[in-house]
C-alpha atoms as a PDB file:
ATOM      1  CA  UNK A   1     -40.051   6.864  -5.390  1.00  0.00           C
ATOM      2  CA  UNK A   2     -37.649   4.785  -3.248  1.00  0.00           C
ATOM      3  CA  UNK A   3     -37.695   1.992  -5.824  1.00  0.00           C
ATOM      4  CA  UNK A   4     -36.955   4.373  -8.679  1.00  0.00           C
ATOM      5  CA  UNK A   5     -33.939   5.798  -6.809  1.00  0.00           C
ATOM      6  CA  UNK A   6     -32.643   2.296  -6.014  1.00  0.00           C
ATOM      7  CA  UNK A   7     -33.195   1.206  -9.608  1.00  0.00           C
ATOM      8  CA  UNK A   8     -31.348   4.264 -10.927  1.00  0.00           C
ATOM      9  CA  UNK A   9     -28.426   3.497  -8.569  1.00  0.00           C
ATOM     10  CA  UNK A  10     -28.270  -0.046  -9.971  1.00  0.00           C
ATOM     11  CA  UNK A  11     -28.452   1.159 -13.584  1.00  0.00           C
ATOM     12  CA  UNK A  12     -25.683   3.706 -12.923  1.00  0.00           C
ATOM     13  CA  UNK A  13     -23.538   1.094 -11.128  1.00  0.00           C
ATOM     14  CA  UNK A  14     -23.951  -1.393 -13.985  1.00  0.00           C
ATOM     15  CA  UNK A  15     -23.008   1.281 -16.529  1.00  0.00           C
ATOM     16  CA  UNK A  16     -19.844   2.109 -14.564  1.00  0.00           C
ATOM     17  CA  UNK A  17     -18.905  -1.555 -14.218  1.00  0.00           C
ATOM     18  CA  UNK A  18     -19.174  -1.895 -17.999  1.00  0.00           C
ATOM     19  CA  UNK A  19     -16.710   0.930 -18.690  1.00  0.00           C
ATOM     20  CA  UNK A  20     -13.314  -0.183 -19.963  1.00  0.00           C
ATOM     21  CA  UNK A  21     -11.598   1.245 -16.879  1.00  0.00           C
ATOM     22  CA  UNK A  22     -13.620  -0.586 -14.219  1.00  0.00           C
ATOM     23  CA  UNK A  23     -14.034  -3.764 -16.273  1.00  0.00           C
ATOM     24  CA  UNK A  24     -10.258  -4.108 -16.739  1.00  0.00           C
ATOM     25  CA  UNK A  25      -9.148  -3.516 -13.132  1.00  0.00           C
ATOM     26  CA  UNK A  26      -9.259  -5.449  -9.857  1.00  0.00           C
ATOM     27  CA  UNK A  27     -12.059  -3.974  -7.746  1.00  0.00           C
ATOM     28  CA  UNK A  28     -11.351  -6.041  -4.629  1.00  0.00           C
ATOM     29  CA  UNK A  29     -10.216  -2.898  -2.761  1.00  0.00           C
ATOM     30  CA  UNK A  30     -13.779  -1.552  -2.985  1.00  0.00           C
ATOM     31  CA  UNK A  31     -16.296  -3.051  -0.531  1.00  0.00           C
ATOM     32  CA  UNK A  32     -19.556  -4.422  -1.933  1.00  0.00           C
ATOM     33  CA  UNK A  33     -21.698  -1.665  -0.435  1.00  0.00           C
ATOM     34  CA  UNK A  34     -19.686   0.892  -2.436  1.00  0.00           C
ATOM     35  CA  UNK A  35     -19.582  -1.206  -5.621  1.00  0.00           C
ATOM     36  CA  UNK A  36     -23.359  -0.938  -5.631  1.00  0.00           C
ATOM     37  CA  UNK A  37     -23.014   2.867  -5.457  1.00  0.00           C
ATOM     38  CA  UNK A  38     -20.133   3.213  -7.924  1.00  0.00           C
ATOM     39  CA  UNK A  39     -22.510   5.011 -10.266  1.00  0.00           C
ATOM     40  CA  UNK A  40     -21.833   8.070  -8.089  1.00  0.00           C
ATOM     41  CA  UNK A  41     -18.563   8.338 -10.059  1.00  0.00           C
ATOM     42  CA  UNK A  42     -20.278   8.647 -13.445  1.00  0.00           C
ATOM     43  CA  UNK A  43     -19.196  12.288 -13.758  1.00  0.00           C
ATOM     44  CA  UNK A  44     -15.591  11.097 -14.031  1.00  0.00           C
ATOM     45  CA  UNK A  45     -13.252   9.793 -16.663  1.00  0.00           C
ATOM     46  CA  UNK A  46      -9.751   8.402 -17.075  1.00  0.00           C
ATOM     47  CA  UNK A  47      -7.384  11.083 -15.773  1.00  0.00           C
ATOM     48  CA  UNK A  48      -5.360  11.542 -18.933  1.00  0.00           C
ATOM     49  CA  UNK A  49      -7.521  10.734 -21.961  1.00  0.00           C
ATOM     50  CA  UNK A  50      -5.159  12.809 -24.122  1.00  0.00           C
ATOM     51  CA  UNK A  51      -2.188  10.663 -23.096  1.00  0.00           C
ATOM     52  CA  UNK A  52      -0.367  13.405 -21.158  1.00  0.00           C
ATOM     53  CA  UNK A  53       0.193  11.531 -17.893  1.00  0.00           C
ATOM     54  CA  UNK A  54       2.777  14.004 -16.587  1.00  0.00           C
ATOM     55  CA  UNK A  55       0.374  16.930 -16.990  1.00  0.00           C
ATOM     56  CA  UNK A  56      -2.356  14.921 -15.265  1.00  0.00           C
ATOM     57  CA  UNK A  57       0.005  14.223 -12.322  1.00  0.00           C
ATOM     58  CA  UNK A  58       1.023  17.900 -12.073  1.00  0.00           C
ATOM     59  CA  UNK A  59      -2.633  18.975 -12.119  1.00  0.00           C
ATOM     60  CA  UNK A  60      -3.459  16.394  -9.446  1.00  0.00           C
ATOM     61  CA  UNK A  61      -0.558  17.467  -7.205  1.00  0.00           C
ATOM     62  CA  UNK A  62      -1.493  21.139  -7.631  1.00  0.00           C
ATOM     63  CA  UNK A  63      -5.163  20.468  -6.751  1.00  0.00           C
ATOM     64  CA  UNK A  64      -4.347  18.395  -3.659  1.00  0.00           C
ATOM     65  CA  UNK A  65      -1.728  20.879  -2.430  1.00  0.00           C
ATOM     66  CA  UNK A  66      -4.337  23.671  -2.622  1.00  0.00           C
ATOM     67  CA  UNK A  67      -7.208  21.677  -1.054  1.00  0.00           C
ATOM     68  CA  UNK A  68      -8.782  22.413   2.312  1.00  0.00           C
ATOM     69  CA  UNK A  69      -9.538  18.728   3.025  1.00  0.00           C
ATOM     70  CA  UNK A  70      -7.436  15.758   1.937  1.00  0.00           C
ATOM     71  CA  UNK A  71      -8.297  12.127   2.634  1.00  0.00           C
ATOM     72  CA  UNK A  72      -6.074   9.478   1.120  1.00  0.00           C
ATOM     73  CA  UNK A  73      -5.302   5.796   1.230  1.00  0.00           C
ATOM     74  CA  UNK A  74      -2.218   4.464  -0.463  1.00  0.00           C
ATOM     75  CA  UNK A  75      -0.146   1.371  -0.905  1.00  0.00           C
ATOM     76  CA  UNK A  76       2.298   3.231  -3.202  1.00  0.00           C
ATOM     77  CA  UNK A  77       4.436   6.362  -2.973  1.00  0.00           C
ATOM     78  CA  UNK A  78       5.027   8.580  -5.981  1.00  0.00           C
ATOM     79  CA  UNK A  79       7.513  11.355  -6.630  1.00  0.00           C
ATOM     80  CA  UNK A  80       6.100  14.650  -5.392  1.00  0.00           C
ATOM     81  CA  UNK A  81       3.477  13.171  -3.065  1.00  0.00           C
ATOM     82  CA  UNK A  82       5.254  13.935   0.239  1.00  0.00           C
ATOM     83  CA  UNK A  83       5.763  17.545  -0.889  1.00  0.00           C
ATOM     84  CA  UNK A  84       2.101  17.699  -1.961  1.00  0.00           C
ATOM     85  CA  UNK A  85       0.937  16.608   1.500  1.00  0.00           C
ATOM     86  CA  UNK A  86       3.293  19.073   3.185  1.00  0.00           C
ATOM     87  CA  UNK A  87       1.984  21.892   0.973  1.00  0.00           C
ATOM     88  CA  UNK A  88      -1.619  21.007   1.850  1.00  0.00           C
ATOM     89  CA  UNK A  89      -0.772  20.998   5.563  1.00  0.00           C
ATOM     90  CA  UNK A  90       1.106  24.300   5.225  1.00  0.00           C
ATOM     91  CA  UNK A  91      -2.010  25.724   3.558  1.00  0.00           C
ATOM     92  CA  UNK A  92      -4.115  24.754   6.565  1.00  0.00           C
ATOM     93  CA  UNK A  93      -5.783  21.675   5.085  1.00  0.00           C
ATOM     94  CA  UNK A  94      -7.173  18.899   7.211  1.00  0.00           C
ATOM     95  CA  UNK A  95      -5.229  15.815   6.091  1.00  0.00           C
ATOM     96  CA  UNK A  96      -6.007  12.214   7.029  1.00  0.00           C
ATOM     97  CA  UNK A  97      -4.006   9.377   5.492  1.00  0.00           C
ATOM     98  CA  UNK A  98      -3.994   5.598   5.637  1.00  0.00           C
ATOM     99  CA  UNK A  99      -0.603   4.446   4.384  1.00  0.00           C
ATOM    100  CA  UNK A 100       0.820   0.976   4.043  1.00  0.00           C
ATOM    101  CA  UNK A 101       4.035   0.073   5.837  1.00  0.00           C
ATOM    102  CA  UNK A 102       5.680  -0.167   2.398  1.00  0.00           C
ATOM    103  CA  UNK A 103       4.862   3.518   1.769  1.00  0.00           C
ATOM    104  CA  UNK A 104       6.098   4.535   5.219  1.00  0.00           C
ATOM    105  CA  UNK A 105       9.427   2.848   4.481  1.00  0.00           C
ATOM    106  CA  UNK A 106       9.876   4.903   1.287  1.00  0.00           C
ATOM    107  CA  UNK A 107       9.431   8.269   3.012  1.00  0.00           C
ATOM    108  CA  UNK A 108      12.465  10.267   3.987  1.00  0.00           C
ATOM    109  CA  UNK A 109      13.520  10.058   7.653  1.00  0.00           C
ATOM    110  CA  UNK A 110      11.525  12.452   9.783  1.00  0.00           C
ATOM    111  CA  UNK A 111       8.702  12.922   7.253  1.00  0.00           C
ATOM    112  CA  UNK A 112       6.022  11.357   9.466  1.00  0.00           C
ATOM    113  CA  UNK A 113       7.276  13.332  12.484  1.00  0.00           C
ATOM    114  CA  UNK A 114       7.063  16.551  10.452  1.00  0.00           C
ATOM    115  CA  UNK A 115       3.486  15.822   9.348  1.00  0.00           C
ATOM    116  CA  UNK A 116       2.534  14.724  12.853  1.00  0.00           C
ATOM    117  CA  UNK A 117       3.579  18.117  14.198  1.00  0.00           C
ATOM    118  CA  UNK A 118       0.496  19.609  12.502  1.00  0.00           C
ATOM    119  CA  UNK A 119      -2.711  19.583  14.557  1.00  0.00           C
ATOM    120  CA  UNK A 120      -4.733  19.007  11.381  1.00  0.00           C
ATOM    121  CA  UNK A 121      -2.982  15.718  10.457  1.00  0.00           C
ATOM    122  CA  UNK A 122      -4.036  12.135  11.200  1.00  0.00           C
ATOM    123  CA  UNK A 123      -2.274   8.949  10.118  1.00  0.00           C
ATOM    124  CA  UNK A 124      -3.132   5.296  10.256  1.00  0.00           C
ATOM    125  CA  UNK A 125      -0.604   2.703   9.124  1.00  0.00           C
ATOM    126  CA  UNK A 126      -2.338  -0.333   7.669  1.00  0.00           C
ATOM    127  CA  UNK A 127      -1.672  -2.723   4.837  1.00  0.00           C
ATOM    128  CA  UNK A 128      -4.005  -2.085   1.956  1.00  0.00           C
ATOM    129  CA  UNK A 129      -4.252  -2.530  -1.807  1.00  0.00           C
ATOM    130  CA  UNK A 130      -5.745   0.856  -2.496  1.00  0.00           C
ATOM    131  CA  UNK A 131      -4.608   4.168  -3.911  1.00  0.00           C
ATOM    132  CA  UNK A 132      -7.040   7.053  -3.899  1.00  0.00           C
ATOM    133  CA  UNK A 133      -7.323  10.640  -2.756  1.00  0.00           C
ATOM    134  CA  UNK A 134     -10.330  12.787  -1.971  1.00  0.00           C
ATOM    135  CA  UNK A 135      -9.368  16.462  -2.052  1.00  0.00           C
ATOM    136  CA  UNK A 136     -12.279  18.831  -1.490  1.00  0.00           C
ATOM    137  CA  UNK A 137     -14.779  17.623  -4.133  1.00  0.00           C
ATOM    138  CA  UNK A 138     -12.295  15.739  -6.338  1.00  0.00           C
ATOM    139  CA  UNK A 139     -11.621  11.993  -6.273  1.00  0.00           C
ATOM    140  CA  UNK A 140      -8.597  10.338  -7.884  1.00  0.00           C
ATOM    141  CA  UNK A 141      -8.799   6.544  -7.872  1.00  0.00           C
ATOM    142  CA  UNK A 142      -6.003   4.211  -8.991  1.00  0.00           C
ATOM    143  CA  UNK A 143      -6.728   0.495  -9.155  1.00  0.00           C
ATOM    144  CA  UNK A 144      -4.674  -2.645  -9.473  1.00  0.00           C
ATOM    145  CA  UNK A 145      -4.593  -4.652 -12.663  1.00  0.00           C
ATOM    146  CA  UNK A 146      -5.537  -8.341 -12.617  1.00  0.00           C
ATOM    147  CA  UNK A 147      -1.788  -9.167 -12.750  1.00  0.00           C
ATOM    148  CA  UNK A 148      -1.337  -7.605  -9.287  1.00  0.00           C
ATOM    149  CA  UNK A 149       0.421  -4.388 -10.372  1.00  0.00           C
ATOM    150  CA  UNK A 150      -1.047  -0.987  -9.696  1.00  0.00           C
ATOM    151  CA  UNK A 151      -2.043   0.921 -12.819  1.00  0.00           C
ATOM    152  CA  UNK A 152      -0.754   4.455 -12.343  1.00  0.00           C
ATOM    153  CA  UNK A 153      -1.076   5.288 -16.037  1.00  0.00           C
ATOM    154  CA  UNK A 154      -4.860   5.196 -15.808  1.00  0.00           C
ATOM    155  CA  UNK A 155      -6.673   6.693 -12.864  1.00  0.00           C
ATOM    156  CA  UNK A 156     -10.342   7.534 -12.559  1.00  0.00           C
ATOM    157  CA  UNK A 157     -10.895  11.219 -11.826  1.00  0.00           C
ATOM    158  CA  UNK A 158     -14.314  12.450 -10.736  1.00  0.00           C
ATOM    159  CA  UNK A 159     -15.507  15.646  -9.139  1.00  0.00           C
ATOM    160  CA  UNK A 160     -18.665  16.944  -7.559  1.00  0.00           C
ATOM    161  CA  UNK A 161     -20.557  16.133  -4.399  1.00  0.00           C
ATOM    162  CA  UNK A 162     -21.498  12.523  -5.315  1.00  0.00           C
ATOM    163  CA  UNK A 163     -17.845  11.657  -6.058  1.00  0.00           C
ATOM    164  CA  UNK A 164     -16.719  13.345  -2.831  1.00  0.00           C
ATOM    165  CA  UNK A 165     -19.300  11.424  -0.770  1.00  0.00           C
ATOM    166  CA  UNK A 166     -18.389   8.102  -2.411  1.00  0.00           C
ATOM    167  CA  UNK A 167     -14.674   8.759  -1.869  1.00  0.00           C
ATOM    168  CA  UNK A 168     -15.214   9.737   1.772  1.00  0.00           C
ATOM    169  CA  UNK A 169     -17.238   6.550   2.301  1.00  0.00           C
ATOM    170  CA  UNK A 170     -14.362   4.527   0.806  1.00  0.00           C
ATOM    171  CA  UNK A 171     -11.927   6.376   3.053  1.00  0.00           C
ATOM    172  CA  UNK A 172     -14.126   5.585   6.081  1.00  0.00           C
ATOM    173  CA  UNK A 173     -13.954   1.907   5.148  1.00  0.00           C
ATOM    174  CA  UNK A 174     -10.137   2.008   5.452  1.00  0.00           C
ATOM    175  CA  UNK A 175      -9.671   4.504   8.223  1.00  0.00           C
ATOM    176  CA  UNK A 176     -10.176   5.437  11.791  1.00  0.00           C
END
């Protein structure tokens, strides 16, 4: 039975690595032990297959703002993200972030102090080349392109317990 589970994990990982999304992006931000389990994200898809990126971003911001647990790592800041994190904290969510110094420098003065005033907030500042969020059982994963630019037009969105566990494991790799 153990061999069949391990074999299925490998088959699922290989299938994910062959998808256009994962095959065309730099996966160096994902440690090897999680590459081998990337099949846990097979329930997902590109976040805006219909081409409506703005709707996908609004849906993402709405879901994170309403979540009870938010774990995120980011090397980029996007419009609406600071407000999204504040809304999640105001709603009582546990929020833990690992942000690059470049992101910290883009935040408005006092933003970190405001977030730090919440008991349910943790922050680590560390350089990284990652951009993902786990909010409750949803994972949003943005990856860099081989040319070194982050691809924010295509993100992998997955939900369910396997995606949540994989995302939390990736967060643990970067965090506290």
